[in-house]
N, C-alpha and C. Protein backbone atom coordinates (compact mmCIF):
# COMPACT_ATOMS: atom_id res chain seq x y z
N MET A 1 -6.89 6.50 -27.75
CA MET A 1 -6.27 6.54 -27.36
C MET A 1 -6.42 4.95 -26.41
N THR A 2 -5.09 4.36 -26.16
CA THR A 2 -4.89 3.54 -25.97
C THR A 2 -3.98 3.40 -24.04
N ILE A 3 -4.87 2.64 -23.52
CA ILE A 3 -4.57 2.54 -21.99
C ILE A 3 -3.39 1.62 -22.01
N PRO A 4 -2.79 1.64 -21.00
CA PRO A 4 -1.37 0.12 -21.51
C PRO A 4 -2.05 -0.64 -20.38
N GLY A 5 -1.68 -1.67 -20.65
CA GLY A 5 -2.26 -2.86 -20.09
C GLY A 5 -4.05 -3.14 -20.18
N ARG A 6 -4.55 -2.48 -21.31
CA ARG A 6 -5.54 -3.20 -21.79
C ARG A 6 -5.96 -3.19 -22.70
N ILE A 7 -6.83 -4.50 -23.11
CA ILE A 7 -6.73 -4.82 -24.76
C ILE A 7 -7.57 -3.30 -25.32
N PRO A 8 -7.66 -2.82 -26.67
CA PRO A 8 -8.41 -1.93 -27.50
C PRO A 8 -9.79 -2.56 -27.40
N GLY A 9 -10.60 -1.56 -27.20
CA GLY A 9 -11.95 -2.35 -26.96
C GLY A 9 -12.82 -2.50 -25.81
N SER A 10 -11.79 -3.25 -24.98
CA SER A 10 -12.36 -3.59 -23.58
C SER A 10 -12.83 -2.91 -23.03
N PRO A 11 -14.02 -3.12 -22.21
CA PRO A 11 -14.22 -1.56 -21.21
C PRO A 11 -13.09 -1.94 -19.97
N PRO A 12 -13.29 -1.03 -19.24
CA PRO A 12 -12.63 -0.35 -18.13
C PRO A 12 -12.76 -1.09 -17.61
N GLU A 13 -11.61 -1.87 -16.89
CA GLU A 13 -11.71 -2.30 -15.36
C GLU A 13 -12.16 -2.18 -14.23
N THR A 14 -13.14 -2.17 -13.75
CA THR A 14 -13.94 -2.06 -12.52
C THR A 14 -12.89 -2.59 -11.13
N VAL A 15 -12.75 -1.42 -10.43
CA VAL A 15 -11.61 -1.91 -9.36
C VAL A 15 -12.16 -0.56 -7.70
N SER A 16 -12.32 -1.50 -6.90
CA SER A 16 -13.13 -1.29 -5.53
C SER A 16 -11.77 -1.12 -4.93
N ILE A 17 -11.97 -0.25 -3.95
CA ILE A 17 -10.54 -0.37 -2.61
C ILE A 17 -11.40 -0.51 -1.69
N ASP A 18 -11.10 -1.55 -0.40
CA ASP A 18 -11.85 -1.78 0.91
C ASP A 18 -10.57 -2.29 2.20
N PHE A 19 -10.94 -2.11 3.31
CA PHE A 19 -10.35 -2.51 4.01
C PHE A 19 -10.56 -4.02 4.10
N LEU A 20 -9.01 -4.75 4.43
CA LEU A 20 -8.78 -5.66 4.42
C LEU A 20 -9.73 -7.19 5.03
N ARG A 21 -9.92 -6.24 6.28
CA ARG A 21 -10.34 -6.99 7.02
C ARG A 21 -12.43 -7.27 6.97
N ASN A 22 -12.68 -6.87 5.64
CA ASN A 22 -13.79 -6.96 5.22
C ASN A 22 -13.96 -8.42 4.23
N HIS A 23 -12.82 -8.49 3.71
CA HIS A 23 -12.37 -9.64 2.90
C HIS A 23 -11.58 -10.57 3.39
N PRO A 24 -12.17 -11.29 4.45
CA PRO A 24 -10.84 -12.37 5.26
C PRO A 24 -10.17 -12.97 4.05
N ASP A 25 -11.10 -13.84 2.70
CA ASP A 25 -10.41 -14.50 2.16
C ASP A 25 -9.76 -14.15 1.16
N CYS A 26 -9.11 -12.89 1.44
CA CYS A 26 -8.08 -12.01 0.54
C CYS A 26 -6.59 -11.97 1.44
N VAL A 27 -6.72 -12.21 2.43
CA VAL A 27 -5.61 -12.52 3.27
C VAL A 27 -4.17 -12.84 3.08
N GLU A 28 -4.40 -13.93 2.71
CA GLU A 28 -3.73 -14.73 2.41
C GLU A 28 -3.13 -14.34 1.07
N ILE A 29 -3.96 -13.78 0.08
CA ILE A 29 -3.02 -13.72 -1.19
C ILE A 29 -1.90 -12.55 -0.77
N CYS A 30 -2.92 -11.56 -0.08
CA CYS A 30 -1.81 -10.03 0.13
C CYS A 30 -0.61 -9.92 0.66
N ALA A 31 -0.77 -11.22 2.04
CA ALA A 31 0.38 -11.50 2.89
C ALA A 31 1.26 -12.34 1.70
N ASP A 32 1.20 -12.85 0.89
CA ASP A 32 2.02 -13.28 0.03
C ASP A 32 2.87 -12.22 -0.80
N TRP A 33 1.73 -11.90 -1.40
CA TRP A 33 2.13 -10.35 -2.21
C TRP A 33 3.54 -9.89 -1.44
N GLU A 34 3.37 -9.32 -0.39
CA GLU A 34 4.41 -9.04 0.67
C GLU A 34 5.67 -9.62 1.02
N TYR A 35 4.99 -10.83 0.94
CA TYR A 35 6.48 -11.81 1.57
C TYR A 35 7.27 -12.03 0.67
N ILE A 36 6.78 -12.48 -0.69
CA ILE A 36 7.80 -12.56 -1.91
C ILE A 36 7.93 -10.93 -2.11
N THR A 37 7.52 -9.99 -2.30
CA THR A 37 7.87 -8.60 -2.85
C THR A 37 9.20 -7.95 -1.98
N TRP A 38 9.21 -8.22 -0.26
CA TRP A 38 10.16 -7.65 0.55
C TRP A 38 10.05 -8.44 2.06
N GLY A 39 9.32 -9.21 1.80
CA GLY A 39 9.84 -9.79 3.42
C GLY A 39 11.11 -10.97 3.26
N LYS A 40 11.39 -11.46 2.23
CA LYS A 40 12.16 -12.69 2.01
C LYS A 40 13.37 -11.93 2.67
N SER A 41 12.85 -10.60 1.72
CA SER A 41 14.54 -10.16 1.15
C SER A 41 15.43 -9.70 2.99
N TYR A 42 14.56 -8.76 3.83
CA TYR A 42 14.36 -8.99 5.44
C TYR A 42 14.53 -9.61 5.88
N GLY A 43 14.43 -11.50 5.32
CA GLY A 43 14.41 -12.33 6.18
C GLY A 43 12.91 -13.35 7.58
N TRP A 44 12.38 -12.61 6.95
CA TRP A 44 10.92 -12.98 7.20
C TRP A 44 10.29 -14.00 7.02
N THR A 45 9.42 -14.44 8.11
CA THR A 45 8.91 -15.74 7.37
C THR A 45 7.51 -15.78 6.95
N LYS A 46 6.92 -16.72 6.08
CA LYS A 46 6.07 -16.43 5.41
C LYS A 46 4.70 -16.41 7.26
N GLU A 47 4.88 -16.91 7.44
CA GLU A 47 3.92 -17.31 8.80
C GLU A 47 3.91 -15.81 9.64
N THR A 48 5.18 -15.27 9.39
CA THR A 48 5.01 -14.11 10.63
C THR A 48 4.15 -12.91 9.30
N VAL A 49 4.65 -12.98 8.36
CA VAL A 49 3.73 -12.01 7.48
C VAL A 49 2.42 -12.30 7.18
N LEU A 50 2.12 -13.81 7.14
CA LEU A 50 0.73 -13.81 7.37
C LEU A 50 -0.24 -13.38 9.15
N LYS A 51 0.35 -13.67 9.82
CA LYS A 51 0.09 -13.41 11.19
C LYS A 51 -0.03 -11.68 11.04
N SER A 52 1.04 -10.92 10.50
CA SER A 52 0.33 -9.25 10.93
C SER A 52 -0.39 -9.02 10.39
N TYR A 53 -1.06 -9.94 8.81
CA TYR A 53 -2.02 -9.30 7.80
C TYR A 53 -3.55 -9.95 8.91
N HIS A 54 -3.45 -10.47 9.73
CA HIS A 54 -4.69 -11.40 10.26
C HIS A 54 -4.25 -10.20 11.42
N ALA A 55 -3.88 -9.67 12.20
CA ALA A 55 -3.80 -8.84 13.03
C ALA A 55 -4.70 -7.49 12.79
N MET A 56 -4.01 -6.99 11.18
CA MET A 56 -4.66 -5.63 10.48
C MET A 56 -6.00 -6.11 10.58
N THR A 57 -6.35 -6.93 9.70
CA THR A 57 -8.14 -7.42 10.02
C THR A 57 -8.53 -6.86 11.10
N GLU A 58 -8.06 -6.84 11.96
CA GLU A 58 -8.97 -6.78 13.61
C GLU A 58 -9.63 -5.30 13.26
N ASP A 59 -10.55 -4.93 13.79
CA ASP A 59 -11.23 -3.57 13.63
C ASP A 59 -10.40 -2.66 15.03
N ASN A 60 -10.49 -3.17 15.92
CA ASN A 60 -9.36 -2.31 16.84
C ASN A 60 -7.92 -1.90 16.73
N ASN A 61 -7.73 -2.36 15.61
CA ASN A 61 -5.77 -2.56 15.42
C ASN A 61 -5.32 -1.20 15.05
N ILE A 62 -4.90 -0.50 14.89
CA ILE A 62 -4.36 1.21 14.63
C ILE A 62 -4.22 1.10 13.19
N GLU A 63 -2.96 -0.17 13.23
CA GLU A 63 -2.57 -0.61 11.70
C GLU A 63 -3.43 -1.66 10.64
N GLN A 64 -3.90 -0.61 9.84
CA GLN A 64 -4.94 -1.84 9.19
C GLN A 64 -4.43 -2.31 7.54
N ALA A 65 -4.48 -2.65 6.74
CA ALA A 65 -4.07 -3.27 5.30
C ALA A 65 -5.55 -3.11 4.90
N PHE A 66 -5.12 -2.93 3.76
CA PHE A 66 -6.17 -2.31 2.46
C PHE A 66 -6.27 -3.39 0.88
N VAL A 67 -7.26 -3.51 0.59
CA VAL A 67 -7.42 -4.56 -0.89
C VAL A 67 -8.09 -4.09 -2.24
N ALA A 68 -7.42 -3.95 -3.44
CA ALA A 68 -7.93 -3.92 -4.59
C ALA A 68 -8.93 -4.93 -4.81
N LEU A 69 -9.75 -4.63 -5.32
CA LEU A 69 -10.75 -6.13 -5.66
C LEU A 69 -11.23 -5.33 -7.46
N SER A 70 -10.46 -6.63 -8.30
CA SER A 70 -11.52 -6.08 -9.38
C SER A 70 -12.69 -7.49 -9.30
N GLY A 71 -13.90 -7.15 -9.52
CA GLY A 71 -14.63 -7.79 -8.50
C GLY A 71 -14.87 -8.66 -7.67
N ASN A 72 -14.43 -10.00 -7.38
CA ASN A 72 -13.94 -10.84 -5.79
C ASN A 72 -12.74 -10.87 -5.82
N LYS A 73 -12.29 -10.42 -6.37
CA LYS A 73 -10.67 -11.34 -6.76
C LYS A 73 -9.37 -10.13 -6.41
N ALA A 74 -8.60 -9.97 -5.09
CA ALA A 74 -7.65 -9.34 -5.04
C ALA A 74 -7.00 -9.39 -6.06
N VAL A 75 -6.10 -7.36 -6.69
CA VAL A 75 -4.90 -7.31 -7.22
C VAL A 75 -4.11 -6.03 -6.64
N GLY A 76 -4.61 -5.98 -5.62
CA GLY A 76 -3.47 -5.15 -4.81
C GLY A 76 -3.99 -4.91 -3.63
N THR A 77 -2.67 -4.37 -2.95
CA THR A 77 -2.73 -4.11 -1.55
C THR A 77 -1.73 -2.75 -0.57
N ALA A 78 -2.43 -2.59 -0.08
CA ALA A 78 -1.30 -1.30 0.93
C ALA A 78 -1.28 -1.46 2.43
N LEU A 79 -1.18 -0.91 2.55
CA LEU A 79 -0.82 -1.17 4.42
C LEU A 79 -0.61 0.54 4.93
N LEU A 80 -1.86 0.70 6.57
CA LEU A 80 -1.20 2.15 6.59
C LEU A 80 -0.81 1.47 8.45
N ILE A 81 0.59 1.80 8.63
CA ILE A 81 1.27 0.99 10.05
C ILE A 81 1.66 2.59 10.87
N GLU A 82 2.06 1.82 12.16
CA GLU A 82 3.19 3.01 12.83
C GLU A 82 3.80 3.86 12.05
N ASN A 83 4.95 2.49 11.94
CA ASN A 83 6.37 2.86 11.87
C ASN A 83 7.04 1.72 10.73
N ASP A 84 7.73 2.44 9.52
CA ASP A 84 8.24 1.31 8.69
C ASP A 84 9.52 1.38 8.51
N HIS A 85 10.30 2.11 9.58
CA HIS A 85 11.74 2.18 9.51
C HIS A 85 12.50 2.42 10.54
N GLU A 86 13.16 2.03 11.11
CA GLU A 86 14.22 1.86 12.66
C GLU A 86 14.58 3.36 12.58
N ASP A 87 15.01 3.99 11.71
CA ASP A 87 15.76 5.14 11.72
C ASP A 87 14.76 6.48 12.13
N TYR A 88 13.70 5.90 11.48
CA TYR A 88 12.71 7.63 11.54
C TYR A 88 11.58 6.98 13.04
N LYS A 89 12.01 6.28 13.73
CA LYS A 89 10.67 6.05 14.94
C LYS A 89 9.93 7.27 14.84
N ARG A 90 10.76 8.46 14.58
CA ARG A 90 9.33 10.12 15.06
C ARG A 90 8.32 10.01 14.62
N HIS A 91 8.69 9.42 13.50
CA HIS A 91 7.58 9.58 12.08
C HIS A 91 6.15 8.22 12.51
N ARG A 92 5.56 8.84 11.90
CA ARG A 92 4.41 8.63 12.24
C ARG A 92 2.78 8.80 11.60
N PRO A 93 2.25 8.28 11.40
CA PRO A 93 2.07 6.62 10.62
C PRO A 93 2.88 7.06 9.49
N TRP A 94 2.81 5.13 8.65
CA TRP A 94 3.95 5.06 7.26
C TRP A 94 2.77 4.09 6.33
N LEU A 95 2.76 4.55 5.57
CA LEU A 95 1.83 3.87 3.92
C LEU A 95 3.29 3.30 3.96
N ALA A 96 2.22 1.72 3.23
CA ALA A 96 3.52 0.75 3.53
C ALA A 96 3.17 -0.45 2.26
N ALA A 97 4.03 -1.16 2.23
CA ALA A 97 3.40 -2.45 0.93
C ALA A 97 2.87 -2.12 0.08
N VAL A 98 2.73 -1.00 -0.55
CA VAL A 98 1.85 -0.79 -1.70
C VAL A 98 2.09 -1.59 -2.75
N TYR A 99 1.30 -2.54 -3.46
CA TYR A 99 1.58 -3.88 -4.35
C TYR A 99 0.43 -4.02 -5.21
N VAL A 100 0.41 -3.84 -6.34
CA VAL A 100 -0.17 -4.58 -7.58
C VAL A 100 0.34 -5.41 -8.35
N ASP A 101 -0.74 -5.91 -8.41
CA ASP A 101 -0.72 -7.57 -9.13
C ASP A 101 -0.45 -6.77 -10.60
N PRO A 102 0.99 -7.73 -10.86
CA PRO A 102 1.42 -7.09 -12.58
C PRO A 102 0.55 -7.03 -13.30
N CYS A 103 0.27 -8.28 -13.54
CA CYS A 103 -1.32 -8.49 -14.37
C CYS A 103 -2.08 -6.78 -14.58
N HIS A 104 -2.51 -6.02 -13.57
CA HIS A 104 -2.62 -4.87 -13.40
C HIS A 104 -2.13 -3.61 -12.84
N ARG A 105 -1.16 -3.66 -13.20
CA ARG A 105 -0.35 -2.29 -13.04
C ARG A 105 -0.44 -1.27 -14.26
N ARG A 106 -0.59 -0.41 -13.97
CA ARG A 106 -0.78 0.77 -14.97
C ARG A 106 -2.04 1.12 -15.41
N LYS A 107 -3.37 0.84 -14.17
CA LYS A 107 -4.51 1.28 -13.99
C LYS A 107 -5.01 2.41 -13.48
N GLY A 108 -3.78 2.62 -12.53
CA GLY A 108 -4.36 3.60 -11.49
C GLY A 108 -4.86 2.73 -10.28
N ILE A 109 -4.53 1.59 -10.18
CA ILE A 109 -5.02 0.85 -8.77
C ILE A 109 -4.12 1.62 -7.60
N ALA A 110 -2.50 1.60 -7.90
CA ALA A 110 -1.91 2.22 -6.61
C ALA A 110 -2.26 3.59 -5.90
N ARG A 111 -2.65 4.38 -7.19
CA ARG A 111 -3.15 5.05 -7.05
C ARG A 111 -4.51 5.69 -5.79
N GLN A 112 -5.23 4.21 -6.65
CA GLN A 112 -6.20 4.74 -5.90
C GLN A 112 -6.11 3.67 -3.99
N LEU A 113 -5.02 3.01 -3.48
CA LEU A 113 -4.66 2.52 -2.94
C LEU A 113 -3.61 3.63 -2.05
N VAL A 114 -3.60 4.45 -2.50
CA VAL A 114 -2.42 5.16 -2.08
C VAL A 114 -3.37 6.19 -1.23
N LYS A 115 -4.76 6.86 -2.03
CA LYS A 115 -5.67 7.89 -2.11
C LYS A 115 -7.07 7.10 -0.55
N PHE A 116 -6.88 6.31 -0.63
CA PHE A 116 -7.72 5.15 0.41
C PHE A 116 -7.31 5.40 1.34
N ALA A 117 -5.97 5.16 2.04
CA ALA A 117 -4.99 5.12 2.81
C ALA A 117 -4.72 6.76 3.81
N GLU A 118 -4.67 7.73 2.36
CA GLU A 118 -4.70 9.01 2.59
C GLU A 118 -5.69 9.37 3.66
N LYS A 119 -7.13 8.87 3.23
CA LYS A 119 -8.60 9.31 3.05
C LYS A 119 -8.06 8.66 5.01
N THR A 120 -7.61 7.33 5.05
CA THR A 120 -7.99 6.35 6.30
C THR A 120 -7.38 7.40 7.24
N ALA A 121 -6.20 7.32 7.29
CA ALA A 121 -5.78 8.61 8.02
C ALA A 121 -6.20 9.88 8.55
N ARG A 122 -6.51 10.39 7.63
CA ARG A 122 -7.24 11.82 7.82
C ARG A 122 -7.81 11.73 8.54
N ASP A 123 -9.34 10.76 8.35
CA ASP A 123 -10.43 10.48 8.53
C ASP A 123 -10.10 10.24 10.70
N ARG A 124 -8.77 9.36 10.71
CA ARG A 124 -8.62 8.92 12.45
C ARG A 124 -7.85 9.88 13.43
N GLY A 125 -7.53 11.76 12.13
CA GLY A 125 -7.18 12.29 12.79
C GLY A 125 -5.58 13.06 12.67
N GLU A 126 -5.24 12.14 11.81
CA GLU A 126 -3.78 12.44 11.14
C GLU A 126 -3.45 13.21 10.59
N LYS A 127 -2.08 13.67 10.85
CA LYS A 127 -1.75 15.31 10.10
C LYS A 127 -0.96 15.11 8.68
N GLN A 128 -0.18 14.09 8.89
CA GLN A 128 0.34 13.92 7.64
C GLN A 128 1.02 12.34 7.60
N LEU A 129 1.42 11.59 6.46
CA LEU A 129 1.68 10.10 6.13
C LEU A 129 3.14 10.27 5.78
N PHE A 130 3.88 9.43 5.74
CA PHE A 130 4.84 8.93 5.86
C PHE A 130 5.36 7.92 4.57
N LEU A 131 6.18 7.78 4.02
CA LEU A 131 6.80 6.38 3.66
C LEU A 131 7.81 6.36 2.98
N TYR A 132 8.60 5.15 2.57
CA TYR A 132 9.94 5.84 1.95
C TYR A 132 9.93 4.24 0.66
N THR A 133 10.48 4.74 -0.02
CA THR A 133 11.23 4.19 -1.65
C THR A 133 12.03 4.18 -2.72
N LEU A 134 12.00 3.48 -3.16
CA LEU A 134 13.52 3.61 -4.11
C LEU A 134 12.68 4.59 -5.37
N THR A 135 11.29 4.41 -5.91
CA THR A 135 10.72 5.21 -7.01
C THR A 135 9.69 6.22 -6.28
N PRO A 136 10.72 7.69 -6.32
CA PRO A 136 9.35 8.39 -5.70
C PRO A 136 9.00 9.24 -6.49
N GLU A 137 9.33 8.80 -7.84
CA GLU A 137 8.37 9.61 -8.88
C GLU A 137 6.94 9.19 -8.83
N ILE A 138 6.26 7.77 -8.76
CA ILE A 138 5.34 7.02 -8.17
C ILE A 138 4.45 8.51 -7.14
N TYR A 139 5.52 8.41 -6.70
CA TYR A 139 4.08 9.45 -4.95
C TYR A 139 4.63 11.09 -5.43
N ARG A 140 5.51 11.12 -5.61
CA ARG A 140 5.55 12.61 -6.54
C ARG A 140 4.42 12.78 -7.12
N ALA A 141 4.05 11.96 -8.02
CA ALA A 141 2.52 12.47 -9.03
C ALA A 141 1.55 12.46 -8.18
N MET A 142 1.79 12.03 -7.15
CA MET A 142 0.07 11.98 -6.09
C MET A 142 0.05 13.02 -4.72
N ASN A 143 1.39 13.81 -5.46
CA ASN A 143 1.58 15.19 -4.03
C ASN A 143 2.58 14.85 -2.86
N TRP A 144 3.28 13.36 -2.85
CA TRP A 144 4.12 13.53 -2.41
C TRP A 144 5.22 14.06 -2.05
N LYS A 145 6.17 14.48 -1.29
CA LYS A 145 7.36 15.83 -1.29
C LYS A 145 8.36 14.03 -0.09
N ILE A 146 9.81 14.59 -1.25
CA ILE A 146 10.62 14.15 -0.37
C ILE A 146 11.39 14.98 0.99
N ILE A 147 11.73 14.01 1.58
CA ILE A 147 12.20 15.05 2.96
C ILE A 147 13.26 14.78 3.10
N GLU A 148 14.34 13.53 2.49
CA GLU A 148 14.83 13.02 2.72
C GLU A 148 15.66 12.23 2.23
N THR A 149 16.87 12.22 1.29
CA THR A 149 17.30 10.91 0.82
C THR A 149 18.16 10.24 1.85
N PHE A 150 18.44 9.31 1.57
CA PHE A 150 19.13 8.72 2.43
C PHE A 150 19.87 6.94 1.99
N GLY A 151 20.69 5.89 2.86
CA GLY A 151 20.93 4.87 1.92
C GLY A 151 21.14 4.65 0.54
N ASP A 152 21.00 3.70 0.01
CA ASP A 152 21.43 3.44 -1.09
C ASP A 152 20.12 3.84 -2.07
N ASN A 153 20.09 5.50 -2.09
CA ASN A 153 19.19 5.73 -3.19
C ASN A 153 18.05 5.56 -2.47
N GLN A 154 17.29 5.55 -1.65
CA GLN A 154 16.40 5.54 -1.17
C GLN A 154 15.31 6.73 -0.26
N PHE A 155 14.44 6.89 -0.41
CA PHE A 155 13.97 8.52 -0.28
C PHE A 155 12.86 8.35 0.81
N LEU A 156 12.78 8.97 1.99
CA LEU A 156 11.92 9.32 3.06
C LEU A 156 10.88 10.19 2.20
N MET A 157 9.42 9.92 2.24
CA MET A 157 8.91 11.10 1.65
C MET A 157 7.17 11.53 2.61
N ASN A 158 6.58 12.41 2.34
CA ASN A 158 5.68 12.34 3.44
C ASN A 158 4.28 13.32 2.33
N ILE A 159 3.26 13.24 2.72
CA ILE A 159 2.15 13.98 2.75
C ILE A 159 1.33 14.89 3.47
N GLU A 160 0.96 15.83 3.37
CA GLU A 160 0.70 16.75 4.44
C GLU A 160 -1.32 16.04 4.14
N LEU A 161 -1.72 15.99 5.30
CA LEU A 161 -3.46 15.28 4.91
C LEU A 161 -4.17 16.88 5.80
N SER A 162 -4.03 17.79 5.32
CA SER A 162 -5.21 19.05 5.91
C SER A 162 -5.95 19.00 5.00
């Protein structure tokens, strides 16, 4: 069987997930990914996004950033934040900005990032986690449930963390 994105006969890539605070050399690339993928379209500045990522590397910040590493190279990121949508402030906390470098996609890295964020939220006593997405099938495969459809084909989803 061939795994998409892998050269036949090559060893599987070993990826680890950790708190971004433990890898300060990866902060800038993770912030760049968010800025390029979402931030520019929302009118954010690169400096604002970078500042928020630096804040999420502080131990006492309830919002945290995670990094996926292949060796010592960042290949993905995700966030655990208090709110990710103005219309849904009653829901918290949120999984946000799940991103995997295109060269490393279809290898289960996004799944590892999501599971790490879920475990982090569970460990701090959260009962559920929310996200919004245009691609619910990715998260449905990880047991997330659609709780509302809104806007231009966007989906509000959650997962119970019990």
